[in-house]
Protein backbone atom coordinates (compact mmCIF):
# COMPACT_ATOMS: atom_id res chain seq x y z
CA MET A 1 0.00 0.00 0.00
CA ASN A 2 1.40 3.39 -0.91
CA HIS A 3 1.58 6.34 1.46
CA SER A 4 -1.32 8.26 -0.10
CA LYS A 5 -3.65 5.27 0.28
CA LEU A 6 -2.60 4.92 3.92
CA LEU A 7 -3.34 8.60 4.48
CA HIS A 8 -6.74 8.08 2.85
CA TYR A 9 -7.61 5.64 5.64
CA LEU A 10 -6.06 7.70 8.43
CA THR A 11 -8.00 10.82 7.41
CA ASP A 12 -11.34 9.08 6.81
CA PRO A 13 -13.86 11.09 8.86
CA ARG A 14 -15.73 7.90 9.81
CA GLY A 15 -12.77 6.68 11.83
CA PRO A 16 -11.50 3.16 12.43
CA GLU A 17 -14.62 2.09 14.34
CA GLU A 18 -16.67 2.28 11.16
CA VAL A 19 -14.06 1.66 8.47
CA LEU A 20 -12.30 -1.45 9.77
CA PRO A 21 -15.37 -3.73 10.00
CA GLU A 22 -16.21 -2.90 6.37
CA LEU A 23 -12.84 -4.06 5.00
CA THR A 24 -12.36 -7.47 3.47
CA ALA A 25 -9.84 -9.75 5.17
CA GLY A 26 -7.29 -8.96 2.47
CA GLU A 27 -7.78 -5.22 2.77
CA LEU A 28 -7.46 -5.42 6.55
CA VAL A 29 -4.20 -7.38 6.32
CA GLU A 30 -2.83 -4.90 3.76
CA LEU A 31 -3.78 -1.95 5.96
CA LEU A 32 -2.28 -3.53 9.08
CA ASP A 33 0.96 -4.19 7.22
CA ALA A 34 1.13 -0.58 6.01
CA LEU A 35 0.36 0.72 9.50
CA TYR A 36 3.02 -1.51 11.04
CA GLN A 37 5.60 -0.31 8.55
CA ASN A 38 4.59 3.30 9.17
CA LEU A 39 4.89 2.86 12.95
CA ASP A 40 8.42 1.56 12.42
CA THR A 41 9.54 4.92 11.03
CA PRO A 42 11.08 7.81 13.00
CA GLU A 43 7.93 9.91 12.52
CA PRO A 44 4.78 7.79 12.11
CA GLU A 45 1.61 9.43 10.87
CA PHE A 46 -0.72 10.88 13.48
CA GLY A 47 -3.35 8.32 14.40
CA ALA A 48 -1.48 5.31 13.00
CA GLN A 49 -1.08 3.72 16.45
CA VAL A 50 -4.83 3.89 17.15
CA TRP A 51 -5.72 2.50 13.72
CA TYR A 52 -3.20 -0.31 14.18
CA GLU A 53 -4.47 -1.28 17.63
CA MET A 54 -8.09 -1.21 16.49
CA GLY A 55 -7.18 -3.21 13.38
CA VAL A 56 -5.59 -5.91 15.54
CA GLU A 57 -8.76 -5.97 17.65
CA GLU A 58 -10.85 -6.34 14.47
CA CYS A 59 -8.68 -9.29 13.42
CA GLY A 60 -9.29 -10.84 16.82
CA ARG A 61 -13.05 -10.40 16.50
CA ARG A 62 -12.99 -12.04 13.10
CA SER A 63 -11.02 -15.02 14.38
CA VAL A 64 -13.66 -15.91 16.97
CA SER A 65 -16.30 -18.37 15.82
CA PRO A 66 -20.03 -17.77 16.39
CA ASP A 67 -19.96 -19.97 19.52
CA GLY A 68 -17.24 -17.76 21.03
CA ALA A 69 -14.37 -20.24 20.75
CA ALA A 70 -11.16 -18.92 19.27
CA HIS A 71 -9.65 -20.64 16.24
CA GLY A 72 -6.03 -21.61 15.99
CA VAL A 73 -3.37 -21.74 18.66
CA ALA A 74 -3.73 -19.59 21.76
């Protein structure tokens, strides 16, 4: 993901609460990767940490089955 696309997400007025649940699994992974890379720079974009943390939480929600049991290794 290029920098301008990352900024598009970070400046979305709806915020991560509304945007992240609407993303496909692939889009979410791509965004998380871009956020992680951005956070590993000397001057990360404002809001990147919040978007990253909420994106990780969204991944966690998606990995829980309807009966509440987590998939995979704990």
